[in-house]
C-alpha atoms as a PDB file:
ATOM      1  CA  MET A   1       0.141   8.473  14.249  1.00  0.00           C
ATOM      2  CA  LYS A   2      -0.996   5.099  12.441  1.00  0.00           C
ATOM      3  CA  VAL A   3       0.973   2.093  11.813  1.00  0.00           C
ATOM      4  CA  ILE A   4       0.577   0.510   8.465  1.00  0.00           C
ATOM      5  CA  ALA A   5       1.751  -2.773   7.607  1.00  0.00           C
ATOM      6  CA  HIS A   6       3.884  -2.502   4.542  1.00  0.00           C
ATOM      7  CA  ARG A   7       2.975  -5.431   2.159  1.00  0.00           C
ATOM      8  CA  GLY A   8       1.535  -7.097   5.471  1.00  0.00           C
ATOM      9  CA  TYR A   9       3.914  -8.065   8.327  1.00  0.00           C
ATOM     10  CA  SER A  10       6.592  -8.430   5.629  1.00  0.00           C
ATOM     11  CA  GLY A  11       9.557  -8.181   8.206  1.00  0.00           C
ATOM     12  CA  ALA A  12       8.802 -11.814   9.188  1.00  0.00           C
ATOM     13  CA  TYR A  13       6.443 -13.114   6.882  1.00  0.00           C
ATOM     14  CA  PRO A  14       6.114 -13.615   2.875  1.00  0.00           C
ATOM     15  CA  GLU A  15       5.093 -10.189   1.723  1.00  0.00           C
ATOM     16  CA  ASN A  16       1.786  -9.658   0.320  1.00  0.00           C
ATOM     17  CA  THR A  17       0.561 -12.781   1.229  1.00  0.00           C
ATOM     18  CA  MET A  18      -2.622 -13.735   3.253  1.00  0.00           C
ATOM     19  CA  LEU A  19      -0.434 -14.933   6.198  1.00  0.00           C
ATOM     20  CA  ALA A  20       1.471 -11.739   6.251  1.00  0.00           C
ATOM     21  CA  PHE A  21      -1.870  -9.748   6.382  1.00  0.00           C
ATOM     22  CA  ARG A  22      -3.271 -11.975   9.161  1.00  0.00           C
ATOM     23  CA  LYS A  23      -0.118 -11.620  11.094  1.00  0.00           C
ATOM     24  CA  ALA A  24      -0.311  -7.826  10.603  1.00  0.00           C
ATOM     25  CA  VAL A  25      -3.936  -7.862  12.107  1.00  0.00           C
ATOM     26  CA  GLU A  26      -2.775 -10.096  14.998  1.00  0.00           C
ATOM     27  CA  VAL A  27      -0.288  -7.405  16.141  1.00  0.00           C
ATOM     28  CA  GLY A  28      -2.489  -4.702  15.895  1.00  0.00           C
ATOM     29  CA  ALA A  29      -1.619  -2.638  12.832  1.00  0.00           C
ATOM     30  CA  ASP A  30      -4.066   0.083  11.909  1.00  0.00           C
ATOM     31  CA  GLY A  31      -3.898  -0.726   8.565  1.00  0.00           C
ATOM     32  CA  ILE A  32      -2.221  -2.860   5.828  1.00  0.00           C
ATOM     33  CA  GLU A  33      -0.674  -1.585   2.567  1.00  0.00           C
ATOM     34  CA  MET A  34      -0.314  -3.862  -0.232  1.00  0.00           C
ATOM     35  CA  ASP A  35      -0.069  -3.747  -4.300  1.00  0.00           C
ATOM     36  CA  VAL A  36      -2.151  -4.739  -7.122  1.00  0.00           C
ATOM     37  CA  HIS A  37      -1.460  -6.000 -10.670  1.00  0.00           C
ATOM     38  CA  GLU A  38      -3.630  -7.635 -13.318  1.00  0.00           C
ATOM     39  CA  THR A  39      -3.297 -11.143 -14.727  1.00  0.00           C
ATOM     40  CA  LYS A  40      -3.235 -12.128 -18.523  1.00  0.00           C
ATOM     41  CA  ASP A  41      -7.148 -13.108 -18.326  1.00  0.00           C
ATOM     42  CA  GLY A  42      -8.044  -9.798 -16.345  1.00  0.00           C
ATOM     43  CA  VAL A  43      -7.866 -11.327 -12.562  1.00  0.00           C
ATOM     44  CA  LEU A  44      -6.664  -8.594 -10.061  1.00  0.00           C
ATOM     45  CA  VAL A  45      -3.796  -9.904  -8.056  1.00  0.00           C
ATOM     46  CA  VAL A  46      -1.618  -8.887  -4.913  1.00  0.00           C
ATOM     47  CA  ILE A  47       1.880  -8.878  -5.855  1.00  0.00           C
ATOM     48  CA  HIS A  48       4.503  -5.951  -5.881  1.00  0.00           C
ATOM     49  CA  ASP A  49       6.790  -6.529  -8.679  1.00  0.00           C
ATOM     50  CA  GLU A  50       5.718  -6.754 -12.393  1.00  0.00           C
ATOM     51  CA  THR A  51       7.521 -10.239 -12.620  1.00  0.00           C
ATOM     52  CA  VAL A  52       7.174 -13.065 -10.250  1.00  0.00           C
ATOM     53  CA  ASN A  53      11.011 -13.579 -10.354  1.00  0.00           C
ATOM     54  CA  ARG A  54      11.942 -12.209  -7.004  1.00  0.00           C
ATOM     55  CA  THR A  55       9.049 -13.320  -4.786  1.00  0.00           C
ATOM     56  CA  THR A  56       8.169 -16.821  -6.024  1.00  0.00           C
ATOM     57  CA  ASP A  57       9.769 -19.894  -7.361  1.00  0.00           C
ATOM     58  CA  GLY A  58       8.481 -19.048 -10.701  1.00  0.00           C
ATOM     59  CA  LYS A  59       9.767 -16.529 -13.658  1.00  0.00           C
ATOM     60  CA  GLY A  60       7.957 -14.196 -16.148  1.00  0.00           C
ATOM     61  CA  ALA A  61       5.820 -10.997 -15.630  1.00  0.00           C
ATOM     62  CA  VAL A  62       2.459 -11.314 -13.898  1.00  0.00           C
ATOM     63  CA  LYS A  63       0.541 -10.087 -17.265  1.00  0.00           C
ATOM     64  CA  ASP A  64       1.704 -13.121 -19.113  1.00  0.00           C
ATOM     65  CA  PHE A  65       0.152 -15.523 -16.480  1.00  0.00           C
ATOM     66  CA  THR A  66      -3.452 -16.455 -15.856  1.00  0.00           C
ATOM     67  CA  PHE A  67      -4.837 -16.473 -12.600  1.00  0.00           C
ATOM     68  CA  ASP A  68      -4.620 -20.082 -12.241  1.00  0.00           C
ATOM     69  CA  GLU A  69      -0.919 -20.356 -13.556  1.00  0.00           C
ATOM     70  CA  LEU A  70      -0.048 -17.874 -10.652  1.00  0.00           C
ATOM     71  CA  ARG A  71      -1.686 -19.737  -7.998  1.00  0.00           C
ATOM     72  CA  LYS A  72       0.360 -22.582  -8.547  1.00  0.00           C
ATOM     73  CA  LEU A  73       3.392 -20.309  -7.920  1.00  0.00           C
ATOM     74  CA  ASN A  74       4.503 -20.481  -4.156  1.00  0.00           C
ATOM     75  CA  ALA A  75       4.671 -16.653  -3.045  1.00  0.00           C
ATOM     76  CA  ALA A  76       6.765 -17.756   0.341  1.00  0.00           C
ATOM     77  CA  ALA A  77       9.459 -19.596  -1.719  1.00  0.00           C
ATOM     78  CA  ARG A  78      12.342 -17.379  -0.383  1.00  0.00           C
ATOM     79  CA  TYR A  79      11.120 -18.074   3.050  1.00  0.00           C
ATOM     80  CA  GLY A  80      10.679 -22.030   3.199  1.00  0.00           C
ATOM     81  CA  GLY A  81       7.872 -23.453   5.120  1.00  0.00           C
ATOM     82  CA  GLU A  82       4.329 -23.676   4.168  1.00  0.00           C
ATOM     83  CA  PHE A  83       3.345 -22.820   0.683  1.00  0.00           C
ATOM     84  CA  GLN A  84       1.410 -19.429   0.172  1.00  0.00           C
ATOM     85  CA  PRO A  85      -0.476 -18.739  -2.849  1.00  0.00           C
ATOM     86  CA  ILE A  86      -0.654 -15.138  -4.606  1.00  0.00           C
ATOM     87  CA  PRO A  87      -3.993 -13.636  -3.417  1.00  0.00           C
ATOM     88  CA  SER A  88      -6.517 -12.569  -5.410  1.00  0.00           C
ATOM     89  CA  PHE A  89      -7.290  -8.703  -5.069  1.00  0.00           C
ATOM     90  CA  GLU A  90     -11.024 -10.132  -4.267  1.00  0.00           C
ATOM     91  CA  GLU A  91      -9.804 -12.803  -1.600  1.00  0.00           C
ATOM     92  CA  TYR A  92      -8.150 -10.070   0.247  1.00  0.00           C
ATOM     93  CA  CYS A  93     -11.199  -7.847   0.126  1.00  0.00           C
ATOM     94  CA  GLU A  94     -13.442 -10.476   1.265  1.00  0.00           C
ATOM     95  CA  TRP A  95     -11.473 -10.925   4.094  1.00  0.00           C
ATOM     96  CA  ALA A  96     -10.563  -7.362   5.032  1.00  0.00           C
ATOM     97  CA  ALA A  97     -14.454  -6.771   5.106  1.00  0.00           C
ATOM     98  CA  GLN A  98     -14.369  -8.812   8.484  1.00  0.00           C
ATOM     99  CA  GLN A  99     -11.197  -7.169   9.902  1.00  0.00           C
ATOM    100  CA  PRO A 100     -10.817  -3.775  12.046  1.00  0.00           C
ATOM    101  CA  ILE A 101      -8.425  -1.984   9.790  1.00  0.00           C
ATOM    102  CA  PHE A 102      -8.073   0.067   6.756  1.00  0.00           C
ATOM    103  CA  THR A 103      -6.402  -0.510   3.598  1.00  0.00           C
ATOM    104  CA  ASN A 104      -3.912   1.390   1.356  1.00  0.00           C
ATOM    105  CA  VAL A 105      -4.000  -0.092  -2.140  1.00  0.00           C
ATOM    106  CA  GLU A 106      -1.386   0.828  -4.564  1.00  0.00           C
ATOM    107  CA  ILE A 107      -2.198   0.538  -8.049  1.00  0.00           C
ATOM    108  CA  LYS A 108       0.983  -0.521 -10.046  1.00  0.00           C
ATOM    109  CA  THR A 109       0.659   1.087 -13.098  1.00  0.00           C
ATOM    110  CA  ASP A 110       3.977   2.923 -12.787  1.00  0.00           C
ATOM    111  CA  ASN A 111       5.890   0.346 -15.276  1.00  0.00           C
ATOM    112  CA  THR A 112       3.176  -1.471 -16.580  1.00  0.00           C
ATOM    113  CA  TYR A 113      -0.179   0.074 -17.238  1.00  0.00           C
ATOM    114  CA  TYR A 114      -3.586  -2.331 -17.252  1.00  0.00           C
ATOM    115  CA  PRO A 115      -6.497  -0.086 -18.971  1.00  0.00           C
ATOM    116  CA  ASP A 116      -9.110  -1.023 -16.650  1.00  0.00           C
ATOM    117  CA  ILE A 117      -7.324  -1.770 -13.420  1.00  0.00           C
ATOM    118  CA  GLU A 118      -8.496   1.274 -11.864  1.00  0.00           C
ATOM    119  CA  GLN A 119     -12.238   0.774 -12.612  1.00  0.00           C
ATOM    120  CA  LYS A 120     -11.749  -3.042 -11.440  1.00  0.00           C
ATOM    121  CA  ILE A 121     -10.171  -2.068  -8.283  1.00  0.00           C
ATOM    122  CA  TRP A 122     -12.745   0.377  -7.487  1.00  0.00           C
ATOM    123  CA  ASP A 123     -15.656  -2.028  -8.591  1.00  0.00           C
ATOM    124  CA  THR A 124     -14.130  -4.702  -6.051  1.00  0.00           C
ATOM    125  CA  ALA A 125     -13.638  -2.384  -2.962  1.00  0.00           C
ATOM    126  CA  VAL A 126     -17.205  -1.189  -3.156  1.00  0.00           C
ATOM    127  CA  LYS A 127     -18.450  -4.834  -3.619  1.00  0.00           C
ATOM    128  CA  TYR A 128     -17.101  -5.573  -0.334  1.00  0.00           C
ATOM    129  CA  GLY A 129     -18.165  -2.143   1.266  1.00  0.00           C
ATOM    130  CA  LEU A 130     -14.343  -1.191   1.681  1.00  0.00           C
ATOM    131  CA  GLU A 131     -14.640   2.043  -0.693  1.00  0.00           C
ATOM    132  CA  LYS A 132     -14.604   4.060   2.997  1.00  0.00           C
ATOM    133  CA  SER A 133     -11.845   2.273   4.485  1.00  0.00           C
ATOM    134  CA  THR A 134      -9.320   2.212   1.628  1.00  0.00           C
ATOM    135  CA  LEU A 135      -6.818   4.924   0.476  1.00  0.00           C
ATOM    136  CA  PHE A 136      -5.694   4.434  -3.344  1.00  0.00           C
ATOM    137  CA  SER A 137      -2.091   5.385  -4.124  1.00  0.00           C
ATOM    138  CA  SER A 138       0.173   5.193  -6.869  1.00  0.00           C
ATOM    139  CA  PHE A 139       3.492   6.555  -8.259  1.00  0.00           C
ATOM    140  CA  ASN A 140       1.755   6.804 -11.644  1.00  0.00           C
ATOM    141  CA  HIS A 141      -0.709   9.874 -10.924  1.00  0.00           C
ATOM    142  CA  VAL A 142      -2.512   9.504 -13.968  1.00  0.00           C
ATOM    143  CA  SER A 143      -3.856   6.192 -12.375  1.00  0.00           C
ATOM    144  CA  LEU A 144      -4.936   8.391  -9.282  1.00  0.00           C
ATOM    145  CA  LEU A 145      -6.486  11.076 -11.865  1.00  0.00           C
ATOM    146  CA  ARG A 146      -8.408   8.320 -13.562  1.00  0.00           C
ATOM    147  CA  LEU A 147      -9.535   6.672 -10.414  1.00  0.00           C
ATOM    148  CA  LYS A 148     -10.817  10.280  -9.487  1.00  0.00           C
ATOM    149  CA  GLN A 149     -12.729  10.452 -12.687  1.00  0.00           C
ATOM    150  CA  ILE A 150     -14.335   7.216 -12.011  1.00  0.00           C
ATOM    151  CA  ALA A 151     -15.214   7.875  -8.231  1.00  0.00           C
ATOM    152  CA  PRO A 152     -14.627  11.668  -7.015  1.00  0.00           C
ATOM    153  CA  GLU A 153     -15.028  10.236  -3.727  1.00  0.00           C
ATOM    154  CA  ALA A 154     -12.042   8.026  -3.383  1.00  0.00           C
ATOM    155  CA  HIS A 155      -9.239   8.712  -1.369  1.00  0.00           C
ATOM    156  CA  THR A 156      -5.938   9.041  -3.074  1.00  0.00           C
ATOM    157  CA  GLY A 157      -2.497   9.128  -2.117  1.00  0.00           C
ATOM    158  CA  ALA A 158       0.407  10.575  -4.223  1.00  0.00           C
ATOM    159  CA  LEU A 159       3.402   8.115  -4.017  1.00  0.00           C
ATOM    160  CA  THR A 160       6.683   9.462  -4.963  1.00  0.00           C
ATOM    161  CA  GLU A 161      10.526   8.256  -4.791  1.00  0.00           C
ATOM    162  CA  CYS A 162      12.053  11.654  -5.972  1.00  0.00           C
ATOM    163  CA  TYR A 163      11.339  15.308  -5.632  1.00  0.00           C
ATOM    164  CA  VAL A 164       8.225  15.636  -7.872  1.00  0.00           C
ATOM    165  CA  THR A 165       8.026  18.946  -6.334  1.00  0.00           C
ATOM    166  CA  THR A 166       9.150  21.024  -3.207  1.00  0.00           C
ATOM    167  CA  PHE A 167       5.354  22.066  -2.443  1.00  0.00           C
ATOM    168  CA  PRO A 168       3.732  18.481  -2.194  1.00  0.00           C
ATOM    169  CA  GLY A 169       0.578  19.943  -0.373  1.00  0.00           C
ATOM    170  CA  TYR A 170       0.109  22.477  -3.073  1.00  0.00           C
ATOM    171  CA  TYR A 171       0.734  19.882  -5.703  1.00  0.00           C
ATOM    172  CA  CYS A 172      -1.756  17.327  -4.016  1.00  0.00           C
ATOM    173  CA  LYS A 173      -4.349  19.834  -3.453  1.00  0.00           C
ATOM    174  CA  SER A 174      -4.421  21.156  -6.874  1.00  0.00           C
ATOM    175  CA  ALA A 175      -4.580  17.743  -8.245  1.00  0.00           C
ATOM    176  CA  GLY A 176      -7.408  16.488  -5.866  1.00  0.00           C
ATOM    177  CA  PHE A 177      -5.278  13.820  -3.691  1.00  0.00           C
ATOM    178  CA  GLU A 178      -5.893  13.735  -0.427  1.00  0.00           C
ATOM    179  CA  ALA A 179      -2.451  12.494   0.927  1.00  0.00           C
ATOM    180  CA  TYR A 180       1.346  12.779   0.160  1.00  0.00           C
ATOM    181  CA  HIS A 181       3.317   9.332   0.374  1.00  0.00           C
ATOM    182  CA  PRO A 182       6.901   9.935   0.430  1.00  0.00           C
ATOM    183  CA  GLY A 183       9.639   7.693   0.799  1.00  0.00           C
ATOM    184  CA  VAL A 184      11.332   8.282   4.273  1.00  0.00           C
ATOM    185  CA  THR A 185      14.336   9.807   3.267  1.00  0.00           C
ATOM    186  CA  LEU A 186      12.468  12.665   0.939  1.00  0.00           C
ATOM    187  CA  LEU A 187      10.584  14.180   3.657  1.00  0.00           C
ATOM    188  CA  THR A 188      11.788  17.827   4.970  1.00  0.00           C
ATOM    189  CA  ASP A 189      10.761  20.404   7.365  1.00  0.00           C
ATOM    190  CA  GLU A 190       9.379  22.422   4.316  1.00  0.00           C
ATOM    191  CA  ASN A 191       7.541  19.404   2.779  1.00  0.00           C
ATOM    192  CA  VAL A 192       5.716  18.906   5.852  1.00  0.00           C
ATOM    193  CA  ARG A 193       4.995  22.463   6.774  1.00  0.00           C
ATOM    194  CA  ASN A 194       3.471  22.852   2.939  1.00  0.00           C
ATOM    195  CA  CYS A 195       1.272  19.485   3.516  1.00  0.00           C
ATOM    196  CA  LYS A 196      -0.035  20.856   6.619  1.00  0.00           C
ATOM    197  CA  GLU A 197      -0.959  24.269   5.370  1.00  0.00           C
ATOM    198  CA  HIS A 198      -3.090  22.643   2.521  1.00  0.00           C
ATOM    199  CA  GLY A 199      -4.908  20.027   4.638  1.00  0.00           C
ATOM    200  CA  ILE A 200      -2.731  17.061   3.084  1.00  0.00           C
ATOM    201  CA  ALA A 201      -2.327  13.798   5.158  1.00  0.00           C
ATOM    202  CA  ILE A 202       1.313  12.605   4.949  1.00  0.00           C
ATOM    203  CA  ASN A 203       1.793   8.860   5.062  1.00  0.00           C
ATOM    204  CA  VAL A 204       5.645   7.590   4.886  1.00  0.00           C
ATOM    205  CA  TRP A 205       7.230   4.576   3.665  1.00  0.00           C
ATOM    206  CA  THR A 206       9.008   2.509   4.500  1.00  0.00           C
ATOM    207  CA  VAL A 207      10.100   3.215   8.003  1.00  0.00           C
ATOM    208  CA  ASN A 208      11.897   0.426   9.566  1.00  0.00           C
ATOM    209  CA  ASP A 209      14.348   2.225  12.131  1.00  0.00           C
ATOM    210  CA  MET A 210      13.213   4.092  15.270  1.00  0.00           C
ATOM    211  CA  THR A 211      15.264   7.122  14.242  1.00  0.00           C
ATOM    212  CA  ALA A 212      13.094   7.814  11.432  1.00  0.00           C
ATOM    213  CA  LEU A 213      10.077   6.807  13.356  1.00  0.00           C
ATOM    214  CA  ALA A 214      10.743   9.307  16.171  1.00  0.00           C
ATOM    215  CA  ARG A 215      11.371  11.834  13.446  1.00  0.00           C
ATOM    216  CA  LEU A 216       8.020  11.497  11.827  1.00  0.00           C
ATOM    217  CA  LEU A 217       6.466  11.611  15.335  1.00  0.00           C
ATOM    218  CA  ASP A 218       8.157  14.949  15.485  1.00  0.00           C
ATOM    219  CA  TRP A 219       6.692  16.225  12.538  1.00  0.00           C
ATOM    220  CA  GLY A 220       3.025  14.939  13.465  1.00  0.00           C
ATOM    221  CA  CYS A 221       3.014  12.651  10.180  1.00  0.00           C
ATOM    222  CA  ASP A 222      -0.225  10.849   9.908  1.00  0.00           C
ATOM    223  CA  ALA A 223       1.017   7.208   9.311  1.00  0.00           C
ATOM    224  CA  ALA A 224       4.146   5.001   8.994  1.00  0.00           C
ATOM    225  CA  MET A 225       4.455   2.224   6.616  1.00  0.00           C
ATOM    226  CA  THR A 226       6.566  -0.453   8.279  1.00  0.00           C
ATOM    227  CA  ASN A 227       7.690  -3.946   7.547  1.00  0.00           C
ATOM    228  CA  TYR A 228       7.877  -4.217  11.347  1.00  0.00           C
ATOM    229  CA  PRO A 229       4.433  -3.161  12.368  1.00  0.00           C
ATOM    230  CA  GLU A 230       4.566  -4.930  15.945  1.00  0.00           C
ATOM    231  CA  THR A 231       8.003  -2.985  16.468  1.00  0.00           C
ATOM    232  CA  ALA A 232       6.628   0.230  15.640  1.00  0.00           C
ATOM    233  CA  LEU A 233       3.306  -0.226  17.482  1.00  0.00           C
ATOM    234  CA  ALA A 234       5.295  -1.022  20.812  1.00  0.00           C
ATOM    235  CA  TRP A 235       7.563   2.071  20.243  1.00  0.00           C
ATOM    236  CA  LEU A 236       5.037   4.432  19.755  1.00  0.00           C
ATOM    237  CA  SER A 237       2.470   3.071  22.692  1.00  0.00           C
ATOM    238  CA  ALA A 238       5.203   3.320  25.135  1.00  0.00           C
ATOM    239  CA  ARG A 239       5.572   7.310  24.224  1.00  0.00           C
ATOM    240  CA  GLY A 240       1.784   7.709  24.433  1.00  0.00           C
ATOM    241  CA  ALA A 241       1.747   8.245  20.548  1.00  0.00           C
ATOM    242  CA  HIS A 242      -0.546   5.532  19.445  1.00  0.00           C
END
């Protein structure tokens, strides 16, 4: 089972910063999950929320800032210590192209829709040769369908935090998605069986306790997204499962 660092090594470092991504690689994470929004001047940036309020020392919606304005905010404000800027997606891709990891890009269009974001994300991944090592996910499945129109070869994962369907494997297969990304509390024996019957990968978020990790291992899930990749890797390795 693969271990994906959720927003980087976010359990110990400021989420969605280059510091958290570098630390995830240092401890041996297989992949990095991160979130992409778009600024007022059309730059793709790595941040989870629609606003900067929770994770920085600023206030306001990401879409209302220019990139230069966002770069002045401290993405490590809640942690103290060294200043960490909000990365651009291009900055991340340039770095990731040199790392032994895959990337899960969450397209953040579930609350704010950026009309050109799917094309921009795909073009940037291609520019850095990351299109084959990147999985694109979203709670807004229309974004995934749009991405498939742009690039049929793109690998996609349907994020869900509620029961979209009791037949997620059938749903994903019918829509052309390669993976199902449920919250850890949503997965059931029936869901797992249905995904396996239809050849759909199961990547689960956010797995921060060993009881849940053990359950996913028993089910044969493909990946666990966790804020604590070092702990998850050690636990799986001790059981010969990584």
